Amino acid sequence: MTGRAGLRKSRSWELAGKRALVTGAAGAFGSATVEKLRSRGAEVIGLDLQKSDGIIECDLTRPEQIPAAVSEAIDRLGGLDLLINNAGIGLPALAGDAPDAVARKVIEVNLFAGWGVTAAALPTLRAAQGRVIFVSSGLAYVTLPLAASYLVSKRAIDTYADALRIENGRAIDVSVIYPGYVPTPIHDASLSRGVDLGLFLPSETVAQVVETIMDVAGAARPPRNRASTRSTGFGVAVARHLPSVADRLVRLRTNQQRRKGGLGEWTVRLGKI
């Protein structure tokens, strides 16, 4: 998963002195990414729900707030070289249920928020020949039950990144990163209802994901897409190129957990798949 992005020549891209904007900056990945960028000499502003030092308050589910927040960040930074779309949430949802407010919120945060922030920042990024990184998930391709809205949002990030790249590839670099399962608070709501995504993806650490973000951000030629670990990359590759094999494995694991009553409140409702 190392296809090359863009049509420009390779060039050194030291992070020292770069101006970066990170969404979801108070979360597990976001806060660690901000810290790491600053340790590498970058100037960083974050967007998140709560205002704090170096973080601009912005509810990314309210699109009318996004342009002003991005403009304030660009003004404070004096420009923008790097945008990391990291904000995301995950909540259980059955594909057979009509999309409710919860499902719509997942897609709003995971897809449309990054789309809106990117659109607001794009003229400045193009002028700087900058970079955009989307933090997606291995679940963009490894399809699980009970997570329909999350899966849809993460797969859609790939498509949006592809569209952004084909339209702007001579001016900016666009990369997508696929973490595996990292036990952070994003999974708390699912775990409280008996859905453990860690059963289906390799376990990783926040540090591994952040190091991948740093590698992509500072690469002379950033990759089109990159998994956080080899094991997650292998899982994504199987799901993309041998989907029927991946489906059988997921069904096997899900049915094993169902027989043990390990799907919480969803055990009876889901049934055998």
Protein backbone atom coordinates (compact mmCIF):
# COMPACT_ATOMS: atom_id res chain seq x y z
CA MET A 1 0.00 0.00 0.00
CA THR A 2 2.56 2.52 -1.09
CA GLY A 3 1.23 3.96 -4.35
CA ARG A 4 2.70 7.37 -5.04
CA ALA A 5 0.59 10.51 -4.85
CA GLY A 6 0.75 13.43 -7.21
CA LEU A 7 2.78 14.21 -10.30
CA ARG A 8 5.41 16.53 -8.82
CA LYS A 9 9.07 15.74 -8.53
CA SER A 10 10.49 14.41 -5.28
CA ARG A 11 11.55 17.14 -2.92
CA SER A 12 12.78 17.43 0.62
CA TRP A 13 9.94 18.15 3.00
CA GLU A 14 11.38 18.85 6.43
CA LEU A 15 8.63 19.34 9.01
CA ALA A 16 10.61 22.03 10.86
CA GLY A 17 8.99 25.36 10.13
CA LYS A 18 5.93 23.83 8.45
CA ARG A 19 2.50 25.18 9.40
CA ALA A 20 0.04 22.41 10.28
CA LEU A 21 -3.65 22.12 11.12
CA VAL A 22 -4.91 18.97 12.91
CA THR A 23 -8.58 18.13 13.41
CA GLY A 24 -9.68 16.13 16.44
CA ALA A 25 -6.63 17.64 18.14
CA ALA A 26 -7.72 16.77 21.69
CA GLY A 27 -8.23 13.07 20.98
CA ALA A 28 -5.81 10.18 21.38
CA PHE A 29 -4.33 10.33 17.89
CA GLY A 30 -4.77 14.07 17.51
CA SER A 31 -3.07 15.18 20.73
CA ALA A 32 -0.14 12.82 20.15
CA THR A 33 0.17 14.03 16.55
CA VAL A 34 0.22 17.67 17.64
CA GLU A 35 2.91 16.92 20.22
CA LYS A 36 5.04 15.01 17.74
CA LEU A 37 4.74 17.69 15.06
CA ARG A 38 5.81 20.36 17.51
CA SER A 39 8.77 18.23 18.60
CA ARG A 40 9.83 18.17 14.95
CA GLY A 41 9.73 21.97 14.76
CA ALA A 42 6.34 22.47 13.09
CA GLU A 43 3.89 25.19 14.08
CA VAL A 44 0.55 23.55 14.87
CA ILE A 45 -3.03 24.66 15.47
CA GLY A 46 -5.77 22.17 16.31
CA LEU A 47 -9.53 22.07 15.88
CA ASP A 48 -11.71 20.35 18.46
CA LEU A 49 -14.92 20.73 20.44
CA GLN A 50 -13.19 22.34 23.42
CA LYS A 51 -10.96 25.41 23.14
CA SER A 52 -7.57 25.20 24.83
CA ASP A 53 -4.00 26.30 24.28
CA GLY A 54 -3.30 25.91 20.59
CA ILE A 55 -6.78 24.52 19.86
CA ILE A 56 -9.60 26.48 18.22
CA GLU A 57 -13.11 25.49 19.28
CA CYS A 58 -15.11 24.10 16.36
CA ASP A 59 -18.01 21.66 16.19
CA LEU A 60 -17.23 19.86 12.95
CA THR A 61 -20.83 18.60 12.72
CA ARG A 62 -21.88 22.22 12.17
CA PRO A 63 -20.54 23.07 8.72
CA GLU A 64 -21.24 26.78 9.15
CA GLN A 65 -18.51 26.90 11.84
CA ILE A 66 -15.78 25.35 9.72
CA PRO A 67 -14.74 28.18 7.34
CA ALA A 68 -14.24 30.70 10.16
CA ALA A 69 -12.29 28.22 12.30
CA VAL A 70 -10.01 27.26 9.41
CA SER A 71 -9.51 30.92 8.49
CA GLU A 72 -8.56 31.74 12.09
CA ALA A 73 -6.06 28.85 12.13
CA ILE A 74 -4.48 30.00 8.85
CA ASP A 75 -4.26 33.58 10.12
CA ARG A 76 -2.59 32.47 13.35
CA LEU A 77 -0.15 30.24 11.50
CA GLY A 78 0.54 32.75 8.73
CA GLY A 79 -0.35 30.17 6.07
CA LEU A 80 -0.81 26.41 5.86
CA ASP A 81 1.44 23.62 4.58
CA LEU A 82 -0.07 20.50 6.13
CA LEU A 83 -3.63 19.46 6.98
CA ILE A 84 -4.22 16.28 8.97
CA ASN A 85 -7.88 15.23 9.03
CA ASN A 86 -7.93 13.08 12.11
CA ALA A 87 -11.34 13.73 13.75
CA GLY A 88 -13.51 10.64 13.95
CA ILE A 89 -16.10 8.75 15.99
CA GLY A 90 -17.40 5.19 15.94
CA LEU A 91 -20.79 3.88 17.06
CA PRO A 92 -22.59 0.58 16.35
CA ALA A 93 -25.14 0.49 13.50
CA LEU A 94 -26.86 -2.31 11.60
CA ALA A 95 -26.93 -2.00 7.81
CA GLY A 96 -30.57 -3.14 7.81
CA ASP A 97 -31.72 -0.31 10.07
CA ALA A 98 -32.75 3.04 8.63
CA PRO A 99 -30.00 5.60 9.23
CA ASP A 100 -30.86 7.43 12.44
CA ALA A 101 -29.31 10.54 13.99
CA VAL A 102 -26.42 8.50 15.41
CA ALA A 103 -25.53 6.95 12.05
CA ARG A 104 -25.73 10.32 10.36
CA LYS A 105 -23.47 11.88 12.99
CA VAL A 106 -20.81 9.23 12.39
CA ILE A 107 -20.79 10.00 8.67
CA GLU A 108 -20.87 13.75 9.34
CA VAL A 109 -17.80 13.63 11.58
CA ASN A 110 -15.81 10.98 9.73
CA LEU A 111 -16.46 12.15 6.17
CA PHE A 112 -18.10 15.54 5.76
CA ALA A 113 -16.07 17.27 8.48
CA GLY A 114 -12.80 16.41 6.75
CA TRP A 115 -14.32 17.36 3.40
CA GLY A 116 -15.42 20.73 4.75
CA VAL A 117 -12.12 21.50 6.46
CA THR A 118 -10.19 20.53 3.34
CA ALA A 119 -12.36 22.69 1.11
CA ALA A 120 -11.91 25.67 3.42
CA ALA A 121 -8.14 25.20 3.52
CA LEU A 122 -7.60 24.22 -0.12
CA PRO A 123 -6.69 27.60 -1.67
CA THR A 124 -4.01 28.16 0.97
CA LEU A 125 -2.72 24.59 0.67
CA ARG A 126 -2.51 24.89 -3.11
CA ALA A 127 -0.59 28.14 -2.84
CA ALA A 128 1.92 26.46 -0.50
CA GLN A 129 2.05 23.20 -2.53
CA GLY A 130 1.07 21.54 0.71
CA ARG A 131 -0.17 18.19 1.88
CA VAL A 132 -3.42 16.64 3.11
CA ILE A 133 -3.48 13.47 5.21
CA PHE A 134 -6.67 11.59 6.07
CA VAL A 135 -6.60 9.20 9.02
CA SER A 136 -9.00 6.48 7.92
CA SER A 137 -9.13 2.88 9.23
CA GLY A 138 -8.40 -0.67 8.16
CA LEU A 139 -12.18 -1.01 8.36
CA ALA A 140 -12.44 1.04 5.19
CA TYR A 141 -12.01 -2.37 3.51
CA VAL A 142 -12.31 -5.05 6.20
CA THR A 143 -16.11 -5.21 6.40
CA LEU A 144 -17.61 -6.11 9.77
CA PRO A 145 -21.16 -6.51 10.99
CA LEU A 146 -22.69 -4.00 13.40
CA ALA A 147 -20.63 -1.03 12.18
CA ALA A 148 -22.36 0.08 8.99
CA SER A 149 -22.10 3.86 9.36
CA TYR A 150 -18.46 3.69 10.43
CA LEU A 151 -17.54 1.42 7.53
CA VAL A 152 -19.37 3.63 5.03
CA SER A 153 -17.68 6.76 6.32
CA LYS A 154 -14.19 5.27 6.22
CA ARG A 155 -14.58 3.78 2.73
CA ALA A 156 -15.94 7.12 1.54
CA ILE A 157 -12.83 8.92 2.80
CA ASP A 158 -10.81 6.93 0.29
CA THR A 159 -13.08 7.99 -2.56
CA TYR A 160 -13.02 11.62 -1.51
CA ALA A 161 -9.21 11.53 -1.22
CA ASP A 162 -9.02 10.03 -4.71
CA ALA A 163 -11.24 12.78 -6.11
CA LEU A 164 -9.22 15.46 -4.33
CA ARG A 165 -5.99 13.99 -5.66
CA ILE A 166 -7.13 13.74 -9.28
CA GLU A 167 -8.32 17.35 -9.22
CA ASN A 168 -5.35 18.82 -7.35
CA GLY A 169 -2.48 16.38 -7.76
CA ARG A 170 -0.22 18.93 -9.46
CA ALA A 171 -0.60 21.34 -6.54
CA ILE A 172 -0.90 19.21 -3.38
CA ASP A 173 -0.10 15.72 -2.09
CA VAL A 174 -2.98 13.62 -0.74
CA SER A 175 -2.46 10.54 1.45
CA VAL A 176 -4.72 8.17 3.40
CA ILE A 177 -3.57 6.23 6.46
CA TYR A 178 -5.18 3.00 7.68
CA PRO A 179 -4.73 2.26 11.39
CA GLY A 180 -5.67 -1.13 12.78
CA TYR A 181 -7.41 -1.56 16.12
CA VAL A 182 -6.11 0.85 18.75
CA PRO A 183 -7.81 0.70 22.19
CA THR A 184 -8.74 4.37 22.55
CA PRO A 185 -11.96 6.02 23.79
CA ILE A 186 -13.40 6.00 20.24
CA HIS A 187 -14.37 2.36 20.91
CA ASP A 188 -16.01 2.92 24.31
CA ALA A 189 -19.56 3.26 22.96
CA SER A 190 -19.24 0.07 20.92
CA LEU A 191 -17.67 -1.88 23.78
CA SER A 192 -20.44 -0.78 26.16
CA ARG A 193 -22.91 -2.45 23.79
CA GLY A 194 -20.88 -5.61 23.32
CA VAL A 195 -19.17 -4.87 19.99
CA ASP A 196 -15.41 -5.40 20.13
CA LEU A 197 -13.75 -4.39 16.87
CA GLY A 198 -10.47 -5.66 18.26
CA LEU A 199 -11.67 -9.16 17.35
CA PHE A 200 -11.23 -8.41 13.66
CA LEU A 201 -8.20 -6.17 13.21
CA PRO A 202 -4.59 -6.42 14.43
CA SER A 203 -3.96 -4.49 17.63
CA GLU A 204 -1.77 -1.41 17.35
CA THR A 205 -0.62 1.43 19.58
CA VAL A 206 -1.18 5.16 19.34
CA ALA A 207 2.57 5.56 18.90
CA GLN A 208 2.58 3.31 15.82
CA VAL A 209 -0.21 5.30 14.19
CA VAL A 210 1.41 8.64 14.98
CA GLU A 211 4.78 7.48 13.67
CA THR A 212 3.05 6.51 10.42
CA ILE A 213 1.49 9.96 10.20
CA MET A 214 4.92 11.52 10.74
CA ASP A 215 6.54 9.29 8.13
CA VAL A 216 3.93 10.21 5.54
CA ALA A 217 3.92 13.91 6.47
CA GLY A 218 7.67 14.24 6.07
CA ALA A 219 8.27 11.91 3.13
CA ALA A 220 10.02 13.27 0.04
CA ARG A 221 7.32 11.55 -1.99
CA PRO A 222 4.37 10.78 0.29
CA PRO A 223 2.51 7.55 -0.43
CA ARG A 224 -1.01 7.48 -1.78
CA ASN A 225 -2.01 5.20 1.09
CA ARG A 226 -0.24 3.54 4.01
CA ALA A 227 -1.27 1.11 6.74
CA SER A 228 0.13 1.68 10.23
CA THR A 229 1.61 -1.82 10.44
CA ARG A 230 2.42 -4.65 8.07
CA SER A 231 -0.26 -6.86 9.61
CA THR A 232 -2.98 -4.26 9.07
CA GLY A 233 -1.68 -3.64 5.56
CA PHE A 234 -1.93 -7.37 4.87
CA GLY A 235 -5.51 -7.47 6.17
CA VAL A 236 -6.52 -4.52 4.03
CA ALA A 237 -4.85 -6.03 0.97
CA VAL A 238 -6.72 -9.32 1.43
CA ALA A 239 -10.01 -7.48 1.91
CA ARG A 240 -9.45 -5.38 -1.22
CA HIS A 241 -8.21 -8.13 -3.54
CA LEU A 242 -9.81 -11.27 -2.06
CA PRO A 243 -13.03 -9.92 -0.55
CA SER A 244 -14.82 -13.28 -0.46
CA VAL A 245 -11.97 -14.72 1.62
CA ALA A 246 -12.11 -11.76 4.02
CA ASP A 247 -15.90 -12.11 4.29
CA ARG A 248 -15.63 -15.80 5.20
CA LEU A 249 -13.09 -15.04 7.90
CA VAL A 250 -15.23 -12.27 9.37
CA ARG A 251 -18.34 -14.48 9.35
CA LEU A 252 -16.42 -17.29 11.05
CA ARG A 253 -15.12 -15.02 13.80
CA THR A 254 -18.51 -13.31 14.27
CA ASN A 255 -20.39 -16.60 14.56
CA GLN A 256 -17.86 -17.87 17.08
CA GLN A 257 -18.46 -14.80 19.22
CA ARG A 258 -22.23 -15.03 18.76
CA ARG A 259 -22.28 -18.61 20.06
CA LYS A 260 -20.42 -17.45 23.14
CA GLY A 261 -22.88 -14.58 23.64
CA GLY A 262 -20.00 -12.24 22.94
CA LEU A 263 -21.90 -9.67 20.90
CA GLY A 264 -23.75 -8.17 23.83
CA GLU A 265 -27.24 -6.88 23.08
CA TRP A 266 -26.74 -7.69 19.39
CA THR A 267 -26.26 -11.46 19.89
CA VAL A 268 -29.88 -12.49 19.34
CA ARG A 269 -30.76 -9.80 16.85
CA LEU A 270 -27.85 -10.45 14.52
CA GLY A 271 -28.28 -14.22 14.42
CA LYS A 272 -26.02 -16.47 12.41
CA ILE A 273 -24.39 -14.78 9.43
